[in-house]
Amino acid sequence: MSKERSVKVTTSGIGFGVVLAIVISWSVNKSILWAILHGLFGWFYVIYYAIKY
């Protein structure tokens, strides 16, 4: 049971990072292409944005 729960949390965390990156990118750039690119990078873009701004 513990193993199943950790897998679900990890999967949700990765999905949240991608969505967060897309939302931040869209609010800054207003470009769908940049939002897609930043969504591919996910948490890396979120961390970059947090450090830069």
C-alpha atoms as a PDB file:
ATOM      1  CA  MET A   1       0.000   0.000   0.000  1.00  0.00           C
ATOM      2  CA  SER A   2       2.809   2.421   0.820  1.00  0.00           C
ATOM      3  CA  LYS A   3       4.431   1.830  -2.572  1.00  0.00           C
ATOM      4  CA  GLU A   4       1.220   2.627  -4.490  1.00  0.00           C
ATOM      5  CA  ARG A   5       0.709   5.835  -2.587  1.00  0.00           C
ATOM      6  CA  SER A   6       4.245   7.148  -3.252  1.00  0.00           C
ATOM      7  CA  VAL A   7       3.883   6.465  -6.974  1.00  0.00           C
ATOM      8  CA  LYS A   8       0.627   8.437  -7.126  1.00  0.00           C
ATOM      9  CA  VAL A   9       2.151  11.395  -5.268  1.00  0.00           C
ATOM     10  CA  THR A  10       5.156  11.456  -7.587  1.00  0.00           C
ATOM     11  CA  THR A  11       2.974  11.358 -10.678  1.00  0.00           C
ATOM     12  CA  SER A  12       0.805  14.191  -9.361  1.00  0.00           C
ATOM     13  CA  GLY A  13       3.889  16.248  -8.517  1.00  0.00           C
ATOM     14  CA  ILE A  14       5.261  15.965 -12.033  1.00  0.00           C
ATOM     15  CA  GLY A  15       1.902  16.967 -13.525  1.00  0.00           C
ATOM     16  CA  PHE A  16       1.609  19.944 -11.194  1.00  0.00           C
ATOM     17  CA  GLY A  17       5.087  21.163 -12.161  1.00  0.00           C
ATOM     18  CA  VAL A  18       4.209  21.105 -15.838  1.00  0.00           C
ATOM     19  CA  VAL A  19       0.933  22.949 -15.307  1.00  0.00           C
ATOM     20  CA  LEU A  20       2.603  25.511 -13.072  1.00  0.00           C
ATOM     21  CA  ALA A  21       5.338  26.125 -15.672  1.00  0.00           C
ATOM     22  CA  ILE A  22       2.745  26.625 -18.416  1.00  0.00           C
ATOM     23  CA  VAL A  23       0.687  29.052 -16.323  1.00  0.00           C
ATOM     24  CA  ILE A  24       3.734  31.102 -15.332  1.00  0.00           C
ATOM     25  CA  SER A  25       5.006  31.164 -18.902  1.00  0.00           C
ATOM     26  CA  TRP A  26       1.628  32.233 -20.265  1.00  0.00           C
ATOM     27  CA  SER A  27       1.265  35.017 -17.700  1.00  0.00           C
ATOM     28  CA  VAL A  28       4.745  36.366 -18.516  1.00  0.00           C
ATOM     29  CA  ASN A  29       4.978  35.858 -22.298  1.00  0.00           C
ATOM     30  CA  LYS A  30       1.394  35.473 -23.614  1.00  0.00           C
ATOM     31  CA  SER A  31       2.740  32.995 -26.180  1.00  0.00           C
ATOM     32  CA  ILE A  32       1.474  29.460 -26.685  1.00  0.00           C
ATOM     33  CA  LEU A  33       4.821  28.340 -28.137  1.00  0.00           C
ATOM     34  CA  TRP A  34       6.759  29.546 -25.095  1.00  0.00           C
ATOM     35  CA  ALA A  35       4.157  27.955 -22.810  1.00  0.00           C
ATOM     36  CA  ILE A  36       4.593  24.593 -24.549  1.00  0.00           C
ATOM     37  CA  LEU A  37       8.381  24.838 -24.412  1.00  0.00           C
ATOM     38  CA  HIS A  38       8.383  25.781 -20.741  1.00  0.00           C
ATOM     39  CA  GLY A  39       5.853  23.024 -20.039  1.00  0.00           C
ATOM     40  CA  LEU A  40       8.347  20.517 -21.414  1.00  0.00           C
ATOM     41  CA  PHE A  41      10.939  21.757 -18.932  1.00  0.00           C
ATOM     42  CA  GLY A  42       8.403  21.753 -16.093  1.00  0.00           C
ATOM     43  CA  TRP A  43       9.982  22.202 -12.662  1.00  0.00           C
ATOM     44  CA  PHE A  44      13.240  23.521 -14.163  1.00  0.00           C
ATOM     45  CA  TYR A  45      11.390  26.541 -15.527  1.00  0.00           C
ATOM     46  CA  VAL A  46       9.476  27.023 -12.267  1.00  0.00           C
ATOM     47  CA  ILE A  47      12.747  27.067 -10.285  1.00  0.00           C
ATOM     48  CA  TYR A  48      14.356  29.399 -12.835  1.00  0.00           C
ATOM     49  CA  TYR A  49      11.402  31.776 -12.602  1.00  0.00           C
ATOM     50  CA  ALA A  50      11.531  31.721  -8.783  1.00  0.00           C
ATOM     51  CA  ILE A  51      15.246  32.582  -8.782  1.00  0.00           C
ATOM     52  CA  LYS A  52      15.057  35.221 -11.524  1.00  0.00           C
ATOM     53  CA  TYR A  53      11.986  37.075 -10.254  1.00  0.00           C
END
